[in-house]
Amino acid sequence: MTLTVNRMNIRINPDYKKVIARFFNTGDERSLNLINRVSQMKNEEVEVLLKNVFTEFSKRYRDIKTVFLKHFHLIKHLLAQPEQDALIDMKKLLIGSYFTMEYSIEAAALFNPSIVEDPDQAGAGVGQKKVIVSFRATGESHISSIVFKEGLLDENGVIHFEPTGRFMGEGKVIELKKDNKATLEELMSQMVIPEGILPSIYDQLPETFSYKEIEAVLKKALLRIESTKDRNRIKFDILSMVNTSYELQFSPDSLLSERVIFPVTRTEKNGIEDARFVKFAEEDGSFTYIATYTAYDGSYILPQLIVTKDFCHFKIAPLHGKAAINKNLALFPRKVNGQYLMLSRIDGMNNYIMFSDDLYLWEEAQLLQKPKYPWEFVQIGNAGSPIETEKGWLVITHGVGAMRKYCLGASLFDLNDPTVEIGRLKEPLLVPNEDERDGYVPNVVYSCGSIIHRDKLIIPYAVSDYASSFATVSVTELLDEILSN
């Protein structure tokens, strides 16, 4: 293959200094003992100790007092109301500090990037384009979140990043939807569940309930099922029907690079993984930014969507339907023939294409690609959303070969009928070089979304699941190479 791929001299490594303040729960008994210890302190002692905490940590956060009060309110239910009322503000703040911990969001890795055009192009010069790059940040206990960087592509396709902000922070949850018992009963009526289980679930559920409440109910109701495997599978099937939607709002005066989308619901408590952002063209001519991602609760995965207009307010909701399974979902950037389209890897090995009239409900899938060449014999999947070109839908793919080596490839599909593969690269587009082979997961290059700028394809990619880098290739040359096959 004569195609030339140029690597940028950029390596974005994880920064362990990027921390957020998380709630530190020690359990009810220990927590109550801790609260009592602070409550019994003299006010003068509290004032001195609190001042020391502020001195040590306030420069790391925009408003550490608000964090302490938030965490106090999460634990105050352990106290009777008279005891709460008797606490002075200083003691509430100090108690909150004891239930706060710092979490280094990038301590382990910063990888699997995707790139989209910035909705605000103010300040971009001729031949330039402002972009937003999302990353999967992974910290302690391998919990993943989403972080961002703002950059500028110059006339030569080289990316230049804005300085990262100082104060990392999670968005405020402004809406966390509860589910409806009647709706769940209708959905569960189609399930095959051992006799007597359903009534015990329904009897314990209130008319509206949270994810945490139904999880507690299922823990008791499913004990009658002897097989642990069957019990966990039924639990997952039921919980996947529960509404886990929520909305996040970040302060408009915060920098995008300071915003962290950290797990909120129990379905994603062990990680928000591999967000694939795409600029989606609505039928009215407006644009919405949509990302598919994998929610992981420590045992099971669930595909979900993030929707935003401005990267300040985010709506998060699960996908439903028999085809909305496994990882590796990527949305097309517009409707095709009046339908939403999405790439997926339903069976873990092949590339599929899905069709739907509803963005959140996916029932129909069709086999699109099978592994064809040795470097993709183990599996083939997408490496981000399809990109529309004059010659077809360009899909950057990932393939896994011998020694579980991940490479990037490229395929082209018909614009009007994306089920038709026009061509595919015989050789990988990008392979791990000697400097990229070592990391958290060796021998891997991987991407969650690329962008075209002035006839150059800009490919952000993960370096062995540890750091991130960028490569470029001529779009004209790439399409010609694909079509030659």
Protein backbone atom coordinates (compact mmCIF):
# COMPACT_ATOMS: atom_id res chain seq x y z
CA MET A 1 0.00 0.00 0.00
CA THR A 2 1.46 3.35 -1.10
CA LEU A 3 -0.77 5.40 1.21
CA THR A 4 1.16 7.80 3.46
CA VAL A 5 -0.02 8.30 7.03
CA ASN A 6 1.68 11.07 9.00
CA ARG A 7 1.88 10.95 12.77
CA MET A 8 1.81 14.28 14.57
CA ASN A 9 4.55 14.90 17.09
CA ILE A 10 1.93 15.01 19.86
CA ARG A 11 1.53 12.66 22.79
CA ILE A 12 -1.14 13.48 25.38
CA ASN A 13 -0.33 11.59 28.55
CA PRO A 14 -2.61 11.15 31.57
CA ASP A 15 -2.19 13.83 34.21
CA TYR A 16 -2.48 12.46 37.75
CA LYS A 17 -2.76 16.01 39.09
CA LYS A 18 -6.28 16.39 37.66
CA VAL A 19 -8.53 15.63 40.61
CA ILE A 20 -12.19 15.98 41.49
CA ALA A 21 -13.75 15.98 44.96
CA ARG A 22 -15.84 12.84 45.44
CA PHE A 23 -18.18 11.76 48.25
CA PHE A 24 -16.36 9.42 50.65
CA ASN A 25 -18.81 7.01 52.24
CA THR A 26 -17.48 4.95 55.15
CA GLY A 27 -20.72 3.12 55.95
CA ASP A 28 -23.48 4.17 58.35
CA GLU A 29 -21.92 2.96 61.61
CA ARG A 30 -18.48 4.44 60.99
CA SER A 31 -20.01 7.58 59.53
CA LEU A 32 -22.14 8.20 62.60
CA ASN A 33 -19.10 7.75 64.87
CA LEU A 34 -17.18 10.22 62.75
CA ILE A 35 -20.01 12.79 62.85
CA ASN A 36 -20.21 12.46 66.62
CA ARG A 37 -16.49 13.05 67.02
CA VAL A 38 -16.68 16.31 65.08
CA SER A 39 -19.90 17.35 66.84
CA GLN A 40 -18.22 17.03 70.23
CA MET A 41 -15.26 19.24 69.28
CA LYS A 42 -15.03 22.73 70.72
CA ASN A 43 -15.89 25.50 68.30
CA GLU A 44 -12.39 26.97 68.59
CA GLU A 45 -10.87 23.61 67.58
CA VAL A 46 -13.27 23.32 64.66
CA GLU A 47 -12.37 26.80 63.42
CA VAL A 48 -8.63 26.07 63.46
CA LEU A 49 -8.96 22.66 61.81
CA LEU A 50 -11.35 23.92 59.13
CA LYS A 51 -9.01 26.81 58.34
CA ASN A 52 -6.16 24.33 57.84
CA VAL A 53 -8.28 22.22 55.47
CA PHE A 54 -9.23 25.32 53.46
CA THR A 55 -5.61 26.42 53.27
CA GLU A 56 -4.51 23.03 51.97
CA PHE A 57 -7.29 22.33 49.46
CA SER A 58 -9.18 25.50 48.46
CA LYS A 59 -6.73 26.39 45.68
CA ARG A 60 -7.48 23.07 43.97
CA TYR A 61 -11.21 23.79 43.56
CA ARG A 62 -13.37 26.65 42.41
CA ASP A 63 -15.62 26.45 45.49
CA ILE A 64 -14.58 23.88 48.10
CA LYS A 65 -17.17 25.12 50.60
CA THR A 66 -20.02 24.14 48.30
CA VAL A 67 -18.49 20.67 47.95
CA PHE A 68 -18.26 20.20 51.72
CA LEU A 69 -21.86 21.31 52.25
CA LYS A 70 -23.07 19.02 49.47
CA HIS A 71 -21.37 16.04 51.09
CA PHE A 72 -22.67 16.99 54.53
CA HIS A 73 -26.22 16.95 53.15
CA LEU A 74 -25.59 13.46 51.74
CA ILE A 75 -24.81 12.15 55.22
CA LYS A 76 -26.99 14.27 57.53
CA HIS A 77 -29.87 11.74 57.39
CA LEU A 78 -27.95 9.75 60.01
CA LEU A 79 -28.74 12.47 62.54
CA ALA A 80 -32.08 13.27 64.10
CA GLN A 81 -33.48 16.66 63.11
CA PRO A 82 -32.71 18.31 66.49
CA GLU A 83 -29.10 17.18 66.19
CA GLN A 84 -28.88 18.63 62.67
CA ASP A 85 -30.35 21.93 63.81
CA ALA A 86 -27.86 22.17 66.68
CA LEU A 87 -24.83 22.03 64.37
CA ILE A 88 -23.23 25.36 63.55
CA ASP A 89 -22.15 26.01 59.93
CA MET A 90 -18.47 25.46 60.69
CA LYS A 91 -19.16 21.97 61.99
CA LYS A 92 -21.29 21.14 58.96
CA LEU A 93 -18.43 22.20 56.71
CA LEU A 94 -15.87 20.23 58.70
CA ILE A 95 -18.08 17.13 58.73
CA GLY A 96 -18.45 17.50 54.96
CA SER A 97 -14.69 17.61 54.57
CA TYR A 98 -14.36 14.25 56.33
CA PHE A 99 -16.78 12.77 53.80
CA THR A 100 -14.80 14.11 50.86
CA MET A 101 -11.96 12.46 48.98
CA GLU A 102 -9.88 13.46 46.00
CA TYR A 103 -10.11 11.25 42.94
CA SER A 104 -7.42 11.46 40.26
CA ILE A 105 -9.50 11.01 37.12
CA GLU A 106 -6.57 10.35 34.76
CA ALA A 107 -4.26 8.48 37.13
CA ALA A 108 -4.26 5.32 35.01
CA ALA A 109 -4.93 6.39 31.42
CA LEU A 110 -6.21 9.01 28.96
CA PHE A 111 -7.21 7.30 25.75
CA ASN A 112 -9.85 6.36 23.12
CA PRO A 113 -10.38 9.89 21.80
CA SER A 114 -12.99 11.24 19.40
CA ILE A 115 -13.02 14.62 17.64
CA VAL A 116 -15.83 16.90 16.45
CA GLU A 117 -16.16 20.45 15.15
CA ASP A 118 -16.63 23.01 17.91
CA PRO A 119 -20.15 24.54 17.81
CA ASP A 120 -18.49 27.94 18.40
CA GLN A 121 -16.11 28.79 15.54
CA ALA A 122 -15.51 32.38 16.70
CA GLY A 123 -11.80 33.12 16.55
CA ALA A 124 -10.94 30.55 13.88
CA GLY A 125 -8.98 32.07 10.99
CA VAL A 126 -9.06 31.28 7.29
CA GLY A 127 -8.32 27.59 6.73
CA GLN A 128 -8.66 26.84 10.45
CA LYS A 129 -11.23 24.88 12.41
CA LYS A 130 -11.92 24.82 16.13
CA VAL A 131 -12.47 21.32 17.45
CA ILE A 132 -13.41 19.47 20.62
CA VAL A 133 -11.63 16.26 21.51
CA SER A 134 -13.16 13.90 24.04
CA PHE A 135 -11.15 11.31 25.94
CA ARG A 136 -11.80 8.33 28.16
CA ALA A 137 -10.07 9.15 31.44
CA THR A 138 -9.41 6.25 33.79
CA GLY A 139 -8.43 6.51 37.43
CA GLU A 140 -8.36 4.47 40.62
CA SER A 141 -10.25 1.12 40.48
CA HIS A 142 -10.37 1.53 36.68
CA ILE A 143 -13.38 3.84 36.82
CA SER A 144 -13.71 5.71 33.53
CA SER A 145 -15.16 9.15 32.85
CA ILE A 146 -15.25 11.59 29.92
CA VAL A 147 -13.03 14.67 29.71
CA PHE A 148 -12.49 17.22 26.95
CA LYS A 149 -9.87 19.42 25.32
CA GLU A 150 -10.43 22.37 23.00
CA GLY A 151 -8.15 22.64 20.02
CA LEU A 152 -7.56 24.41 16.72
CA LEU A 153 -6.73 22.71 13.44
CA ASP A 154 -4.51 24.99 11.41
CA GLU A 155 -4.39 25.22 7.59
CA ASN A 156 -1.96 22.27 7.53
CA GLY A 157 -4.16 20.04 9.65
CA VAL A 158 -1.96 20.27 12.77
CA ILE A 159 -3.85 20.50 16.04
CA HIS A 160 -3.02 23.11 18.68
CA PHE A 161 -4.62 22.75 22.11
CA GLU A 162 -5.89 25.44 24.44
CA PRO A 163 -4.37 25.43 27.95
CA THR A 164 -6.20 23.11 30.34
CA GLY A 165 -8.17 24.70 33.16
CA ARG A 166 -7.18 24.39 36.83
CA PHE A 167 -10.47 23.40 38.45
CA MET A 168 -11.82 20.03 37.39
CA GLY A 169 -15.43 19.39 38.35
CA GLU A 170 -18.49 17.24 37.76
CA GLY A 171 -21.69 18.65 36.37
CA LYS A 172 -24.68 19.26 38.61
CA VAL A 173 -27.37 16.62 38.24
CA ILE A 174 -30.43 18.75 37.49
CA GLU A 175 -32.80 15.90 36.67
CA LEU A 176 -32.67 12.23 37.60
CA LYS A 177 -35.78 10.51 36.32
CA LYS A 178 -37.70 7.91 38.29
CA ASP A 179 -39.40 4.97 36.64
CA ASN A 180 -43.06 4.05 36.56
CA LYS A 181 -44.26 0.72 37.97
CA ALA A 182 -47.05 0.28 35.40
CA THR A 183 -44.62 0.78 32.51
CA LEU A 184 -42.16 -1.72 33.92
CA GLU A 185 -44.91 -4.31 34.45
CA GLU A 186 -45.87 -4.02 30.79
CA LEU A 187 -42.29 -4.55 29.67
CA MET A 188 -41.67 -7.44 32.07
CA SER A 189 -44.84 -9.24 30.96
CA GLN A 190 -42.88 -10.35 27.88
CA MET A 191 -40.11 -11.95 29.93
CA VAL A 192 -39.81 -15.61 30.88
CA ILE A 193 -39.28 -15.63 34.65
CA PRO A 194 -39.76 -18.52 37.12
CA GLU A 195 -43.23 -18.66 38.65
CA GLY A 196 -43.86 -16.56 41.73
CA ILE A 197 -41.01 -14.13 41.16
CA LEU A 198 -42.94 -11.35 39.43
CA PRO A 199 -45.60 -10.93 42.17
CA SER A 200 -42.90 -10.60 44.82
CA ILE A 201 -41.26 -7.84 42.76
CA TYR A 202 -44.47 -5.94 42.09
CA ASP A 203 -45.62 -6.14 45.73
CA GLN A 204 -42.48 -4.41 46.98
CA LEU A 205 -42.20 -1.70 44.34
CA PRO A 206 -43.74 1.76 44.89
CA GLU A 207 -45.62 3.37 42.00
CA THR A 208 -42.50 5.34 41.06
CA PHE A 209 -39.04 4.15 41.98
CA SER A 210 -35.35 4.80 41.48
CA TYR A 211 -32.74 2.43 40.09
CA LYS A 212 -31.36 1.91 43.58
CA GLU A 213 -34.81 1.01 44.94
CA ILE A 214 -35.55 -1.65 42.34
CA GLU A 215 -32.05 -3.08 42.70
CA ALA A 216 -32.75 -3.62 46.42
CA VAL A 217 -36.10 -5.27 45.61
CA LEU A 218 -34.52 -7.62 43.06
CA LYS A 219 -31.78 -8.63 45.47
CA LYS A 220 -34.45 -10.18 47.72
CA ALA A 221 -36.98 -11.32 45.13
CA LEU A 222 -34.49 -13.27 43.00
CA LEU A 223 -32.96 -15.25 45.87
CA ARG A 224 -35.35 -18.10 45.04
CA ILE A 225 -33.46 -18.70 41.78
CA GLU A 226 -30.74 -21.20 42.64
CA SER A 227 -28.40 -20.61 39.71
CA THR A 228 -26.24 -17.55 40.30
CA LYS A 229 -25.77 -17.18 36.55
CA ASP A 230 -29.53 -17.26 35.87
CA ARG A 231 -30.18 -14.92 38.78
CA ASN A 232 -27.68 -12.33 37.54
CA ARG A 233 -28.93 -12.58 33.96
CA ILE A 234 -32.57 -11.99 34.96
CA LYS A 235 -31.48 -9.13 37.22
CA PHE A 236 -29.60 -7.50 34.36
CA ASP A 237 -32.49 -8.00 31.90
CA ILE A 238 -34.90 -6.30 34.31
CA LEU A 239 -32.55 -3.47 35.23
CA SER A 240 -31.85 -2.77 31.53
CA MET A 241 -35.54 -1.86 31.21
CA VAL A 242 -35.35 0.68 34.00
CA ASN A 243 -35.00 4.34 33.10
CA THR A 244 -31.52 5.55 33.96
CA SER A 245 -31.87 8.95 32.28
CA TYR A 246 -30.43 12.09 33.83
CA GLU A 247 -29.27 15.57 32.90
CA LEU A 248 -26.05 17.38 33.78
CA GLN A 249 -25.46 21.12 33.89
CA PHE A 250 -21.99 22.66 34.04
CA SER A 251 -21.31 26.24 35.01
CA PRO A 252 -21.10 28.40 31.86
CA ASP A 253 -18.05 30.15 33.28
CA SER A 254 -16.11 26.89 33.56
CA LEU A 255 -13.73 25.89 30.77
CA LEU A 256 -14.65 22.85 28.70
CA SER A 257 -11.36 21.24 29.74
CA GLU A 258 -12.51 21.50 33.38
CA ARG A 259 -15.74 19.53 32.83
CA VAL A 260 -15.84 15.85 33.77
CA ILE A 261 -18.75 13.55 32.96
CA PHE A 262 -18.33 11.11 35.84
CA PRO A 263 -20.63 8.11 36.52
CA VAL A 264 -23.93 9.11 38.12
CA THR A 265 -26.22 6.07 37.99
CA ARG A 266 -25.56 2.57 39.24
CA THR A 267 -25.61 1.18 35.69
CA GLU A 268 -22.41 3.13 34.98
CA LYS A 269 -20.85 3.16 38.46
CA ASN A 270 -17.74 1.32 37.22
CA GLY A 271 -17.25 3.41 34.13
CA ILE A 272 -18.40 5.53 31.22
CA GLU A 273 -16.43 3.98 28.38
CA ASP A 274 -15.48 4.87 24.80
CA ALA A 275 -17.70 7.84 23.96
CA ARG A 276 -18.07 8.29 20.20
CA PHE A 277 -19.17 11.88 19.60
CA VAL A 278 -20.66 12.94 16.28
CA LYS A 279 -22.06 16.23 14.96
CA PHE A 280 -25.57 15.15 13.98
CA ALA A 281 -27.51 17.09 11.34
CA GLU A 282 -31.17 17.46 12.32
CA GLU A 283 -33.87 17.60 9.65
CA ASP A 284 -34.56 21.28 10.40
CA GLY A 285 -30.97 22.21 9.55
CA SER A 286 -29.73 22.54 13.12
CA PHE A 287 -27.01 20.40 14.67
CA THR A 288 -26.89 18.29 17.83
CA TYR A 289 -23.85 16.58 19.28
CA ILE A 290 -24.56 12.96 20.14
CA ALA A 291 -22.30 10.33 21.64
CA THR A 292 -22.79 6.64 22.15
CA TYR A 293 -20.98 5.14 25.12
CA THR A 294 -20.83 1.97 27.17
CA ALA A 295 -22.11 2.09 30.75
CA TYR A 296 -20.44 -0.51 32.97
CA ASP A 297 -21.67 -1.47 36.44
CA GLY A 298 -18.88 -3.92 37.24
CA SER A 299 -20.68 -6.94 35.83
CA TYR A 300 -22.73 -5.91 32.80
CA ILE A 301 -22.61 -3.30 30.08
CA LEU A 302 -25.40 -1.11 28.74
CA PRO A 303 -25.24 1.15 25.65
CA GLN A 304 -26.29 4.75 26.33
CA LEU A 305 -26.46 8.12 24.60
CA ILE A 306 -25.20 11.58 25.49
CA VAL A 307 -26.92 14.51 23.76
CA THR A 308 -25.80 18.14 23.91
CA LYS A 309 -26.03 21.35 21.94
CA ASP A 310 -23.34 23.33 23.73
CA PHE A 311 -21.17 20.91 25.78
CA CYS A 312 -22.46 22.66 28.87
CA HIS A 313 -25.82 20.92 29.28
CA PHE A 314 -25.91 17.17 28.68
CA LYS A 315 -28.81 14.72 28.50
CA ILE A 316 -27.96 11.08 29.21
CA ALA A 317 -30.30 8.16 28.52
CA PRO A 318 -30.10 4.41 27.82
CA LEU A 319 -30.75 2.72 24.49
CA HIS A 320 -33.40 0.02 24.29
CA GLY A 321 -34.31 -2.80 21.94
CA LYS A 322 -32.97 -6.27 21.13
CA ALA A 323 -30.26 -4.82 18.84
CA ALA A 324 -29.00 -2.32 21.44
CA ILE A 325 -26.46 -4.68 22.96
CA ASN A 326 -22.70 -5.10 23.31
CA LYS A 327 -20.12 -2.36 22.73
CA ASN A 328 -18.92 -0.41 19.70
CA LEU A 329 -22.03 1.55 18.68
CA ALA A 330 -21.53 4.56 16.38
CA LEU A 331 -24.29 6.81 15.06
CA PHE A 332 -24.39 8.07 11.46
CA PRO A 333 -24.16 11.90 11.30
CA ARG A 334 -27.62 12.26 9.74
CA LYS A 335 -30.70 10.23 8.87
CA VAL A 336 -30.48 8.10 5.72
CA ASN A 337 -33.68 7.40 3.80
CA GLY A 338 -35.66 8.84 6.70
CA GLN A 339 -34.15 6.58 9.38
CA TYR A 340 -31.48 6.80 12.06
CA LEU A 341 -28.57 4.48 11.30
CA MET A 342 -25.94 3.11 13.63
CA LEU A 343 -22.96 0.79 13.37
CA SER A 344 -22.55 -1.88 16.04
CA ARG A 345 -20.72 -5.09 16.88
CA ILE A 346 -23.56 -7.20 18.23
CA ASP A 347 -21.75 -10.54 18.31
CA GLY A 348 -18.35 -9.15 19.33
CA MET A 349 -16.74 -10.21 16.05
CA ASN A 350 -18.51 -8.65 13.04
CA ASN A 351 -19.60 -5.18 12.00
CA TYR A 352 -23.37 -4.63 11.87
CA ILE A 353 -25.62 -1.81 10.71
CA MET A 354 -28.82 -0.94 12.58
CA PHE A 355 -31.92 0.99 11.50
CA SER A 356 -34.52 2.79 13.59
CA ASP A 357 -37.24 5.42 13.50
CA ASP A 358 -36.55 6.14 17.17
CA LEU A 359 -33.13 7.34 18.32
CA TYR A 360 -33.47 5.41 21.59
CA LEU A 361 -35.05 2.14 20.36
CA TRP A 362 -33.08 -0.28 18.18
CA GLU A 363 -34.69 -3.57 17.16
CA GLU A 364 -33.30 -4.22 13.67
CA ALA A 365 -29.71 -5.06 12.71
CA GLN A 366 -28.05 -6.42 9.60
CA LEU A 367 -24.63 -8.00 9.14
CA LEU A 368 -22.37 -5.49 7.37
CA GLN A 369 -18.78 -6.76 7.48
CA LYS A 370 -16.92 -9.88 8.50
CA PRO A 371 -13.20 -10.15 9.17
CA LYS A 372 -11.52 -10.57 5.79
CA TYR A 373 -7.79 -9.99 6.13
CA PRO A 374 -5.35 -11.56 8.64
CA TRP A 375 -4.90 -8.35 10.65
CA GLU A 376 -8.66 -8.35 11.44
CA PHE A 377 -9.31 -12.11 11.75
CA VAL A 378 -10.25 -11.91 15.46
CA GLN A 379 -12.79 -9.10 15.06
CA ILE A 380 -13.71 -6.04 13.05
CA GLY A 381 -15.58 -3.01 14.34
CA ASN A 382 -15.91 0.71 13.85
CA ALA A 383 -13.48 3.30 15.16
CA GLY A 384 -16.04 6.09 15.25
CA SER A 385 -19.06 7.36 13.37
CA PRO A 386 -19.16 7.20 9.54
CA ILE A 387 -17.94 10.30 7.71
CA GLU A 388 -19.84 11.51 4.66
CA THR A 389 -17.73 12.07 1.51
CA GLU A 390 -18.67 12.56 -2.14
CA LYS A 391 -17.66 8.98 -2.89
CA GLY A 392 -19.44 7.30 0.02
CA TRP A 393 -19.59 6.83 3.76
CA LEU A 394 -16.02 6.58 5.02
CA VAL A 395 -15.75 4.31 8.06
CA ILE A 396 -12.52 4.02 9.99
CA THR A 397 -12.49 0.50 11.39
CA HIS A 398 -10.47 -1.34 13.97
CA GLY A 399 -9.26 -4.88 13.44
CA VAL A 400 -7.73 -7.37 15.85
CA GLY A 401 -5.15 -9.89 14.66
CA ALA A 402 -2.52 -12.22 16.06
CA MET A 403 -1.33 -11.50 19.61
CA ARG A 404 -4.48 -9.36 20.03
CA LYS A 405 -2.82 -6.58 18.07
CA TYR A 406 -5.24 -3.73 17.29
CA CYS A 407 -4.87 -1.82 14.02
CA LEU A 408 -6.98 0.79 12.25
CA GLY A 409 -8.40 0.23 8.78
CA ALA A 410 -10.86 1.98 6.47
CA SER A 411 -13.92 1.02 4.43
CA LEU A 412 -16.30 2.85 2.10
CA PHE A 413 -20.07 2.33 1.85
CA ASP A 414 -22.71 3.55 -0.60
CA LEU A 415 -24.21 6.92 0.34
CA ASN A 416 -27.80 5.96 -0.47
CA ASP A 417 -27.55 2.35 0.66
CA PRO A 418 -24.95 2.04 3.44
CA THR A 419 -25.47 -1.72 3.56
CA VAL A 420 -23.36 -1.90 0.39
CA GLU A 421 -19.62 -2.02 0.97
CA ILE A 422 -17.83 -0.35 -1.95
CA GLY A 423 -14.31 -1.16 -0.83
CA ARG A 424 -11.98 -1.91 2.06
CA LEU A 425 -8.28 -1.42 2.66
CA LYS A 426 -6.34 -4.66 2.34
CA GLU A 427 -3.62 -3.44 4.67
CA PRO A 428 -4.05 -1.53 7.94
CA LEU A 429 -4.18 2.23 7.80
CA LEU A 430 -2.40 2.61 11.15
CA VAL A 431 -0.51 0.01 13.19
CA PRO A 432 1.25 0.39 16.55
CA ASN A 433 4.86 1.41 15.93
CA GLU A 434 7.66 0.44 18.26
CA ASP A 435 7.11 3.54 20.40
CA GLU A 436 3.38 2.77 20.76
CA ARG A 437 3.43 -0.93 21.62
CA ASP A 438 3.74 -0.58 25.40
CA GLY A 439 1.07 0.66 27.76
CA TYR A 440 -1.90 -0.40 29.86
CA VAL A 441 -3.00 -2.75 27.02
CA PRO A 442 0.01 -3.45 24.75
CA ASN A 443 -0.01 -3.45 20.94
CA VAL A 444 -3.10 -1.27 20.47
CA VAL A 445 -4.03 1.73 18.36
CA TYR A 446 -7.71 2.64 18.65
CA SER A 447 -9.95 5.57 17.85
CA CYS A 448 -13.50 6.67 18.67
CA GLY A 449 -13.96 9.22 15.89
CA SER A 450 -12.11 11.19 13.20
CA ILE A 451 -12.78 14.42 11.26
CA ILE A 452 -12.02 15.81 7.79
CA HIS A 453 -10.27 19.17 7.46
CA ARG A 454 -9.07 20.55 4.09
CA ASP A 455 -8.74 17.13 2.41
CA LYS A 456 -7.00 15.70 5.43
CA LEU A 457 -8.46 13.06 7.68
CA ILE A 458 -7.47 13.86 11.26
CA ILE A 459 -7.35 10.64 13.31
CA PRO A 460 -7.03 10.90 17.08
CA TYR A 461 -6.00 7.54 18.46
CA ALA A 462 -5.20 5.76 21.68
CA VAL A 463 -1.68 4.50 22.31
CA SER A 464 -1.93 1.08 23.97
CA ASP A 465 -4.85 2.24 26.14
CA TYR A 466 -2.60 4.62 28.05
CA ALA A 467 -2.11 7.90 26.16
CA SER A 468 -3.41 9.56 22.98
CA SER A 469 -1.88 10.86 19.77
CA PHE A 470 -2.90 12.07 16.30
CA ALA A 471 -2.30 11.07 12.68
CA THR A 472 -3.33 12.49 9.31
CA VAL A 473 -3.86 11.09 5.83
CA SER A 474 -4.98 12.61 2.55
CA VAL A 475 -8.72 11.98 2.07
CA THR A 476 -8.33 11.88 -1.72
CA GLU A 477 -5.52 9.34 -1.55
CA LEU A 478 -7.35 7.27 1.06
CA LEU A 479 -10.56 7.06 -0.99
CA ASP A 480 -8.60 6.22 -4.15
CA GLU A 481 -6.78 3.42 -2.31
CA ILE A 482 -10.06 2.01 -0.98
CA LEU A 483 -11.75 2.18 -4.39
CA SER A 484 -8.78 0.42 -6.00
CA ASN A 485 -9.76 -2.60 -3.91
